[in-house]
Amino acid sequence: MRMRAVPDAARSPLIAQFRAVRALSVALVAPLSDADATAQSMEDASPAKWHLAHTSWFLETFVLRDFVAGYTLYDDRFPFLFNSYYEAEGKRHARARRGLVTRPSLDEILAYRAHVDAAVAAALPDLPQAAQDLVTLGCQHEQQHQELLVTDIVHLMAQNPVEPALWAPPRKVPVEMPGRLGWIEGTSGIVEIGHDGGGFAFDAEGPRHPALLTPHALADRTVTNGEWAAFIADGGYAEPRHWLSDGWAWVQRERITAPLYWERADGGWTRFGLDGRRAIDPAAPVTHVSFYEADAYASWAGARLPTEAEWEAAAAPYDPAGGNQMDAAGPVEPRPATGGPAFFGDVWEWTGSAFRPYPGFRAVEGAVGEYNGKFMSGQCVLRGGSCATPRGHVRASYRNFFYPHQRWQFTGVRLAKDL
């Protein structure tokens, strides 16, 4: 009698998750040539080829090398090439020079991934719980890199004078312009924030702890392209009184006059994305703005940015897997809000909070403990995920973080105000 194959999810939810995550990374680079996958557009970005290899190195190092008896590294040179910032794992290639690694080729990196995939899948049923937890961490780590992969590709293609489109644009569904900004009154008093210990979370999301909230309200949607165009037209980038000192110095030094990828053409604004250059959608959330720009807009609008505690308390009742998030490879972009407050998806929302440890935070032992804790300096917290965040990756407690000048991610603005 012919036996029917048992689906991965029926045998192990973890193997199903592992294979789905690994497949999405490969799908995201399908339109790229070897040259596309090798180039590095700026120091903050990494080549697509490096993202593919680094996420495989992570699994090979912390799972296969450390837990599978007799496992031999695929290539002894790869740990030096594809380690990112793990000091405990030794010397590594300089981040700013990753684009000079023309070899191994994209095909060779894909072969490396296939080798790691097969080895992890074969080992997984017999791995101890500690190693299975590292596979889960590896999947979550790779999902973070998938978003970086998308945004790094956009930045790379934007440097090309012909501004190539990697995917055809999606069919536009007409929507009404959002109405006047509404406000959601937030909870006041003592609230609990941080991960509650159920399911996966990164170490920086805990411990759960009390936070005091004073009377406040959050906007019921994020700021739109049309509203941002009004900020520009009113001299928003030319009026220093709205800007933090560091932000104003950045605007002057870098000659910033609009969100990243915006250009004025024939009297209107256009933007560049994975589907090439197109007119901005005035109803869609503005994106690719820095913390400095977000803070200046909030000042101009007579409001402020929410704290991360205010944001988390407001977002907790909503479905973190809802909204416009990434389900498959393609020309992701923020979409106009419909159907009420959307705290998840479309754009990462800048908060006014610094990325610092919660009370009682302790980094885990070993190299994996370098994952978040050592970056808790000089960065700002963002919440909510974006159109390039793999669906299912974020939670209300999820803390993303970037430096205040950075804006090549899908970053946007939700206003807050005191009551």
Protein backbone atom coordinates (compact mmCIF):
# COMPACT_ATOMS: atom_id res chain seq x y z
CA MET A 1 0.00 0.00 0.00
CA ARG A 2 1.32 3.44 -0.92
CA MET A 3 1.99 5.62 2.13
CA ARG A 4 0.89 9.24 2.09
CA ALA A 5 3.57 11.80 3.07
CA VAL A 6 3.01 13.37 6.46
CA PRO A 7 3.11 17.19 6.27
CA ASP A 8 5.94 18.92 8.13
CA ALA A 9 3.48 20.73 10.41
CA ALA A 10 1.96 17.42 11.53
CA ARG A 11 5.37 15.97 12.36
CA SER A 12 6.83 19.07 13.97
CA PRO A 13 5.66 22.69 13.99
CA LEU A 14 9.31 23.72 14.34
CA ILE A 15 10.47 21.93 11.18
CA ALA A 16 7.55 23.48 9.28
CA GLN A 17 8.49 26.93 10.55
CA PHE A 18 12.15 26.33 9.75
CA ARG A 19 11.47 25.28 6.16
CA ALA A 20 9.01 28.11 5.53
CA VAL A 21 11.41 30.75 6.86
CA ARG A 22 14.36 29.40 4.89
CA ALA A 23 12.31 29.21 1.69
CA LEU A 24 11.16 32.83 1.96
CA SER A 25 14.74 34.12 2.06
CA VAL A 26 15.54 32.30 -1.17
CA ALA A 27 12.35 33.61 -2.80
CA LEU A 28 13.28 37.18 -1.87
CA VAL A 29 16.54 37.00 -3.84
CA ALA A 30 15.05 35.24 -6.88
CA PRO A 31 15.00 38.43 -9.03
CA LEU A 32 18.65 39.25 -8.22
CA SER A 33 21.72 38.64 -10.36
CA ASP A 34 25.02 37.63 -8.77
CA ALA A 35 26.12 41.26 -9.12
CA ASP A 36 22.93 42.51 -7.43
CA ALA A 37 23.49 40.09 -4.55
CA THR A 38 27.13 41.10 -4.07
CA ALA A 39 26.93 44.90 -4.03
CA GLN A 40 26.75 46.89 -0.77
CA SER A 41 25.09 50.31 -1.09
CA MET A 42 26.19 51.77 2.27
CA GLU A 43 27.81 50.71 5.52
CA ASP A 44 24.45 50.26 7.28
CA ALA A 45 23.29 47.81 4.61
CA SER A 46 24.64 44.38 3.72
CA PRO A 47 24.75 42.50 0.41
CA ALA A 48 21.91 40.07 -0.17
CA LYS A 49 24.46 37.29 -0.50
CA TRP A 50 25.80 38.12 2.97
CA HIS A 51 22.32 37.98 4.55
CA LEU A 52 21.76 34.54 3.02
CA ALA A 53 25.11 33.25 4.28
CA HIS A 54 25.05 34.89 7.72
CA THR A 55 21.70 33.39 8.67
CA SER A 56 23.06 29.98 7.64
CA TRP A 57 26.29 30.55 9.59
CA PHE A 58 24.18 31.31 12.67
CA LEU A 59 22.46 27.92 12.48
CA GLU A 60 25.61 26.05 11.51
CA THR A 61 27.57 27.60 14.40
CA PHE A 62 25.15 27.57 17.29
CA VAL A 63 23.18 24.42 16.40
CA LEU A 64 25.16 22.08 14.14
CA ARG A 65 28.68 22.77 15.40
CA ASP A 66 27.71 22.87 19.07
CA PHE A 67 25.11 20.08 19.26
CA VAL A 68 25.64 17.57 16.43
CA ALA A 69 28.44 15.13 17.15
CA GLY A 70 30.93 14.78 14.31
CA TYR A 71 29.57 17.70 12.30
CA THR A 72 32.21 19.29 10.05
CA LEU A 73 31.97 22.91 8.95
CA TYR A 74 30.92 23.35 5.32
CA ASP A 75 33.83 25.74 4.70
CA ASP A 76 36.43 26.79 7.28
CA ARG A 77 36.56 30.30 5.74
CA PHE A 78 32.89 31.05 6.23
CA PRO A 79 32.95 31.86 9.98
CA PHE A 80 35.34 34.77 9.32
CA LEU A 81 33.32 35.98 6.31
CA PHE A 82 29.82 35.69 7.73
CA ASN A 83 30.00 36.36 11.47
CA SER A 84 28.35 39.71 12.14
CA TYR A 85 29.20 41.10 15.58
CA TYR A 86 29.72 38.11 17.89
CA GLU A 87 32.99 38.91 19.63
CA ALA A 88 32.96 35.51 21.36
CA GLU A 89 33.16 33.86 17.92
CA GLY A 90 36.46 35.51 17.03
CA LYS A 91 37.68 37.77 14.24
CA ARG A 92 35.42 38.65 11.34
CA HIS A 93 35.40 40.54 8.06
CA ALA A 94 34.77 44.27 8.46
CA ARG A 95 31.12 45.20 8.00
CA ALA A 96 31.84 48.11 5.66
CA ARG A 97 33.76 45.79 3.31
CA ARG A 98 31.17 43.04 2.90
CA GLY A 99 30.46 44.20 -0.64
CA LEU A 100 34.03 43.31 -1.66
CA VAL A 101 33.43 39.59 -1.08
CA THR A 102 32.76 38.79 -4.74
CA ARG A 103 33.40 35.12 -4.07
CA PRO A 104 31.83 32.78 -3.03
CA SER A 105 29.18 33.34 -5.67
CA LEU A 106 25.44 33.55 -5.11
CA ASP A 107 25.07 29.97 -6.38
CA GLU A 108 27.71 28.79 -3.92
CA ILE A 109 25.94 30.55 -1.06
CA LEU A 110 22.65 28.92 -2.07
CA ALA A 111 24.42 25.54 -2.04
CA TYR A 112 25.71 26.33 1.46
CA ARG A 113 22.16 27.12 2.57
CA ALA A 114 20.89 23.84 1.13
CA HIS A 115 23.60 21.96 3.05
CA VAL A 116 22.70 23.65 6.34
CA ASP A 117 18.98 23.13 5.72
CA ALA A 118 19.45 19.40 5.19
CA ALA A 119 21.72 19.02 8.22
CA VAL A 120 19.38 20.91 10.58
CA ALA A 121 16.29 19.06 9.32
CA ALA A 122 18.03 15.69 9.79
CA ALA A 123 19.28 16.56 13.27
CA LEU A 124 16.18 18.30 14.60
CA PRO A 125 14.21 15.27 15.88
CA ASP A 126 17.09 14.24 18.15
CA LEU A 127 18.27 17.66 19.29
CA PRO A 128 17.98 18.52 22.99
CA GLN A 129 15.56 21.27 23.97
CA ALA A 130 18.36 23.83 24.26
CA ALA A 131 19.32 23.23 20.63
CA GLN A 132 15.69 23.30 19.48
CA ASP A 133 15.35 26.65 21.22
CA LEU A 134 18.33 27.85 19.19
CA VAL A 135 16.64 26.69 15.98
CA THR A 136 13.62 28.77 16.99
CA LEU A 137 15.92 31.71 17.66
CA GLY A 138 17.58 31.09 14.29
CA CYS A 139 14.19 31.30 12.55
CA GLN A 140 13.32 34.54 14.37
CA HIS A 141 16.80 35.90 13.60
CA GLU A 142 16.37 35.07 9.93
CA GLN A 143 12.99 36.82 9.83
CA GLN A 144 14.72 39.97 11.08
CA HIS A 145 17.25 39.58 8.29
CA GLN A 146 14.48 39.08 5.74
CA GLU A 147 13.21 42.57 6.49
CA LEU A 148 16.75 43.93 6.32
CA LEU A 149 17.25 42.03 3.07
CA VAL A 150 14.21 43.73 1.53
CA THR A 151 15.16 47.22 2.70
CA ASP A 152 18.81 46.78 1.73
CA ILE A 153 17.72 45.72 -1.77
CA VAL A 154 15.50 48.82 -2.08
CA HIS A 155 18.40 51.04 -1.03
CA LEU A 156 20.76 49.34 -3.48
CA MET A 157 18.37 49.66 -6.42
CA ALA A 158 17.75 53.32 -5.55
CA GLN A 159 21.45 54.03 -6.18
CA ASN A 160 21.13 52.80 -9.76
CA PRO A 161 20.45 55.76 -12.10
CA VAL A 162 17.90 53.72 -14.07
CA GLU A 163 16.02 52.81 -10.85
CA PRO A 164 15.11 49.25 -11.87
CA ALA A 165 11.89 47.62 -10.70
CA LEU A 166 12.37 44.11 -9.31
CA TRP A 167 8.67 43.26 -9.33
CA ALA A 168 5.67 44.51 -11.25
CA PRO A 169 3.50 46.87 -9.19
CA PRO A 170 0.51 45.32 -7.41
CA ARG A 171 -2.96 46.19 -8.62
CA LYS A 172 -4.13 49.33 -6.89
CA VAL A 173 -7.46 49.18 -5.09
CA PRO A 174 -9.02 52.66 -4.85
CA VAL A 175 -9.68 53.79 -1.28
CA GLU A 176 -10.99 56.97 0.24
CA MET A 177 -8.59 59.43 1.75
CA PRO A 178 -8.36 58.91 5.52
CA GLY A 179 -10.52 61.27 7.49
CA ARG A 180 -9.29 63.76 9.99
CA LEU A 181 -6.94 62.28 12.57
CA GLY A 182 -8.78 60.82 15.54
CA TRP A 183 -7.51 60.10 19.03
CA ILE A 184 -7.64 57.06 21.28
CA GLU A 185 -7.49 57.88 24.97
CA GLY A 186 -4.84 55.73 26.60
CA THR A 187 -4.85 53.95 29.92
CA SER A 188 -3.61 56.03 32.84
CA GLY A 189 -1.95 54.78 35.99
CA ILE A 190 0.13 51.64 36.49
CA VAL A 191 0.26 49.21 33.57
CA GLU A 192 2.31 46.08 32.96
CA ILE A 193 4.54 46.04 29.86
CA GLY A 194 7.09 43.60 28.49
CA HIS A 195 6.78 39.98 27.43
CA ASP A 196 4.72 37.81 29.76
CA GLY A 197 6.79 34.65 29.28
CA GLY A 198 4.40 32.79 26.97
CA GLY A 199 5.94 31.74 23.66
CA PHE A 200 9.04 33.13 22.00
CA ALA A 201 10.42 36.58 22.72
CA PHE A 202 13.82 38.24 22.42
CA ASP A 203 15.64 38.90 25.67
CA ALA A 204 15.22 42.70 25.39
CA GLU A 205 11.42 42.34 25.58
CA GLY A 206 11.55 41.44 29.27
CA PRO A 207 11.26 41.22 32.16
CA ARG A 208 7.62 42.24 32.38
CA HIS A 209 7.36 45.17 34.75
CA PRO A 210 5.06 48.01 35.87
CA ALA A 211 5.12 51.39 34.15
CA LEU A 212 3.34 54.59 35.15
CA LEU A 213 1.30 56.31 32.43
CA THR A 214 -0.03 59.84 32.81
CA PRO A 215 -3.21 60.90 30.92
CA HIS A 216 -2.57 60.78 27.18
CA ALA A 217 -4.02 59.85 23.80
CA LEU A 218 -2.61 58.18 20.68
CA ALA A 219 -3.61 58.90 17.10
CA ASP A 220 -5.94 56.33 15.58
CA ARG A 221 -3.68 55.92 12.53
CA THR A 222 -0.23 56.83 11.30
CA VAL A 223 0.68 60.00 9.41
CA THR A 224 0.04 59.83 5.65
CA ASN A 225 2.08 60.87 2.64
CA GLY A 226 -0.40 63.65 1.95
CA GLU A 227 -0.03 65.04 5.47
CA TRP A 228 3.74 64.84 5.19
CA ALA A 229 3.63 66.74 1.88
CA ALA A 230 1.77 69.50 3.74
CA PHE A 231 4.56 69.57 6.33
CA ILE A 232 7.09 70.02 3.53
CA ALA A 233 5.00 72.72 1.83
CA ASP A 234 4.79 74.61 5.12
CA GLY A 235 8.58 74.75 5.33
CA GLY A 236 8.92 71.87 7.78
CA TYR A 237 12.48 71.07 6.72
CA ALA A 238 13.50 74.74 6.73
CA GLU A 239 12.18 75.80 10.14
CA PRO A 240 14.66 75.02 12.95
CA ARG A 241 12.21 75.60 15.80
CA HIS A 242 10.57 72.21 15.20
CA TRP A 243 13.82 70.24 15.30
CA LEU A 244 16.01 68.77 18.01
CA SER A 245 19.50 70.25 17.90
CA ASP A 246 21.06 67.03 16.61
CA GLY A 247 18.25 66.66 14.10
CA TRP A 248 18.65 70.17 12.75
CA ALA A 249 22.41 69.63 12.39
CA TRP A 250 21.67 66.41 10.49
CA VAL A 251 19.17 68.12 8.17
CA GLN A 252 21.65 70.88 7.38
CA ARG A 253 24.65 68.57 6.97
CA GLU A 254 22.87 66.00 4.79
CA ARG A 255 20.64 68.55 2.99
CA ILE A 256 17.49 66.61 3.84
CA THR A 257 14.32 68.03 2.28
CA ALA A 258 11.92 65.05 2.13
CA PRO A 259 11.61 61.39 3.17
CA LEU A 260 14.16 59.00 1.72
CA TYR A 261 13.39 58.00 -1.90
CA TRP A 262 11.06 60.97 -2.48
CA GLU A 263 11.61 63.19 -5.51
CA ARG A 264 9.54 66.03 -6.93
CA ALA A 265 8.45 65.52 -10.53
CA ASP A 266 6.00 67.54 -12.63
CA GLY A 267 4.76 69.38 -9.59
CA GLY A 268 4.10 66.25 -7.51
CA TRP A 269 6.03 63.87 -5.29
CA THR A 270 7.21 60.43 -6.35
CA ARG A 271 8.81 57.63 -4.37
CA PHE A 272 11.07 54.70 -5.26
CA GLY A 273 10.25 51.15 -4.24
CA LEU A 274 10.63 47.53 -5.27
CA ASP A 275 8.24 48.25 -8.16
CA GLY A 276 10.31 51.21 -9.39
CA ARG A 277 9.53 54.91 -9.17
CA ARG A 278 5.89 55.89 -8.90
CA ALA A 279 3.74 58.77 -7.67
CA ILE A 280 3.22 58.75 -3.92
CA ASP A 281 -0.15 57.59 -2.69
CA PRO A 282 -1.33 60.51 -0.52
CA ALA A 283 -3.57 58.16 1.51
CA ALA A 284 -0.79 55.69 2.38
CA PRO A 285 1.35 55.94 5.51
CA VAL A 286 4.50 58.00 5.09
CA THR A 287 7.63 55.89 5.43
CA HIS A 288 11.43 56.06 5.31
CA VAL A 289 11.62 58.91 7.82
CA SER A 290 14.14 59.18 10.63
CA PHE A 291 13.47 59.71 14.33
CA TYR A 292 14.61 63.30 13.84
CA GLU A 293 12.01 63.82 11.10
CA ALA A 294 9.31 62.06 13.12
CA ASP A 295 9.98 64.24 16.15
CA ALA A 296 10.02 67.42 14.05
CA TYR A 297 6.72 66.51 12.39
CA ALA A 298 5.15 65.84 15.78
CA SER A 299 6.30 69.26 16.99
CA TRP A 300 4.92 70.91 13.85
CA ALA A 301 1.59 69.11 14.37
CA GLY A 302 1.35 70.26 17.99
CA ALA A 303 1.82 66.75 19.31
CA ARG A 304 4.63 64.40 20.33
CA LEU A 305 5.78 60.83 19.78
CA PRO A 306 4.33 58.14 22.07
CA THR A 307 6.45 56.44 24.67
CA GLU A 308 6.92 52.73 24.11
CA ALA A 309 4.89 51.99 27.25
CA GLU A 310 1.98 54.08 25.92
CA TRP A 311 2.22 52.33 22.56
CA GLU A 312 2.34 48.82 24.02
CA ALA A 313 -0.58 49.42 26.37
CA ALA A 314 -2.69 50.70 23.46
CA ALA A 315 -1.65 47.95 21.02
CA ALA A 316 -1.99 44.98 23.39
CA PRO A 317 -5.67 44.22 22.55
CA TYR A 318 -4.99 44.06 18.79
CA ASP A 319 -3.89 41.07 16.71
CA PRO A 320 -0.12 41.28 16.08
CA ALA A 321 -0.50 39.02 13.05
CA GLY A 322 -3.01 41.40 11.46
CA GLY A 323 -2.46 44.34 9.17
CA ASN A 324 -0.22 44.73 6.15
CA GLN A 325 2.77 42.47 6.75
CA MET A 326 4.92 40.31 4.46
CA ASP A 327 3.39 37.00 3.41
CA ALA A 328 5.48 36.32 0.30
CA ALA A 329 8.24 37.77 -1.84
CA GLY A 330 7.07 40.77 -3.83
CA PRO A 331 6.83 44.58 -4.00
CA VAL A 332 5.82 45.25 -0.39
CA GLU A 333 4.80 48.80 0.52
CA PRO A 334 2.60 50.56 3.10
CA ARG A 335 -1.09 50.74 2.20
CA PRO A 336 -3.83 53.19 3.16
CA ALA A 337 -5.43 52.40 6.50
CA THR A 338 -8.90 50.85 6.42
CA GLY A 339 -11.06 49.34 9.13
CA GLY A 340 -9.99 51.14 12.29
CA PRO A 341 -6.73 51.48 14.22
CA ALA A 342 -3.90 49.39 12.80
CA PHE A 343 -1.10 49.06 15.31
CA PHE A 344 0.69 46.28 13.42
CA GLY A 345 2.11 46.31 9.91
CA ASP A 346 2.65 48.97 7.24
CA VAL A 347 5.37 50.97 9.03
CA TRP A 348 7.52 50.68 12.14
CA GLU A 349 6.39 53.49 14.43
CA TRP A 350 9.02 55.65 16.10
CA THR A 351 8.53 56.14 19.82
CA GLY A 352 10.09 58.79 22.02
CA SER A 353 11.81 56.09 24.12
CA ALA A 354 15.48 55.21 24.18
CA PHE A 355 16.45 51.57 23.71
CA ARG A 356 17.59 50.77 27.24
CA PRO A 357 17.24 47.65 29.41
CA TYR A 358 14.08 47.03 31.37
CA PRO A 359 14.39 46.72 35.17
CA GLY A 360 15.94 43.34 35.94
CA PHE A 361 17.24 42.68 32.41
CA ARG A 362 20.15 40.27 32.18
CA ALA A 363 21.81 39.15 28.96
CA VAL A 364 21.98 35.37 28.56
CA GLU A 365 25.34 33.63 28.84
CA GLY A 366 27.53 32.93 25.83
CA ALA A 367 27.81 34.45 22.37
CA VAL A 368 24.03 34.52 21.87
CA GLY A 369 23.89 36.93 24.81
CA GLU A 370 25.41 39.55 22.51
CA TYR A 371 22.18 39.60 20.48
CA ASN A 372 20.55 42.73 21.95
CA GLY A 373 22.06 43.92 25.21
CA LYS A 374 25.23 45.44 23.86
CA PHE A 375 23.27 47.71 21.52
CA MET A 376 21.37 49.48 24.30
CA SER A 377 23.06 52.82 23.74
CA GLY A 378 22.10 55.79 21.58
CA GLN A 379 19.23 54.07 19.75
CA CYS A 380 15.49 54.69 19.71
CA VAL A 381 12.67 52.15 20.01
CA LEU A 382 10.20 51.46 17.20
CA ARG A 383 7.05 49.36 17.54
CA GLY A 384 4.53 47.47 15.46
CA GLY A 385 6.25 45.89 12.46
CA SER A 386 5.98 46.91 8.81
CA CYS A 387 4.93 45.77 5.37
CA ALA A 388 8.33 44.02 5.15
CA THR A 389 8.01 42.21 8.49
CA PRO A 390 7.22 38.51 8.01
CA ARG A 391 3.73 37.89 9.33
CA GLY A 392 3.73 36.26 12.75
CA HIS A 393 7.10 37.69 13.73
CA VAL A 394 6.06 40.60 15.97
CA ARG A 395 4.22 40.98 19.27
CA ALA A 396 2.92 43.93 21.27
CA SER A 397 6.09 43.66 23.39
CA TYR A 398 8.45 43.54 20.38
CA ARG A 399 11.15 46.25 20.54
CA ASN A 400 12.89 47.24 17.32
CA PHE A 401 15.67 49.81 17.52
CA PHE A 402 17.66 52.07 15.22
CA TYR A 403 19.82 55.17 15.49
CA PRO A 404 17.88 58.44 15.21
CA HIS A 405 19.27 59.39 11.78
CA GLN A 406 18.53 56.05 10.09
CA ARG A 407 15.58 55.83 7.71
CA TRP A 408 16.14 53.15 5.09
CA GLN A 409 13.75 50.86 6.99
CA PHE A 410 9.96 51.16 6.58
CA THR A 411 9.68 53.67 9.44
CA GLY A 412 6.73 55.96 10.04
CA VAL A 413 4.94 58.12 12.62
CA ARG A 414 2.02 57.77 15.01
CA LEU A 415 1.33 60.92 17.04
CA ALA A 416 0.55 61.17 20.74
CA LYS A 417 -0.50 64.00 23.03
CA ASP A 418 -0.91 64.71 26.71
CA LEU A 419 -4.40 65.15 28.14
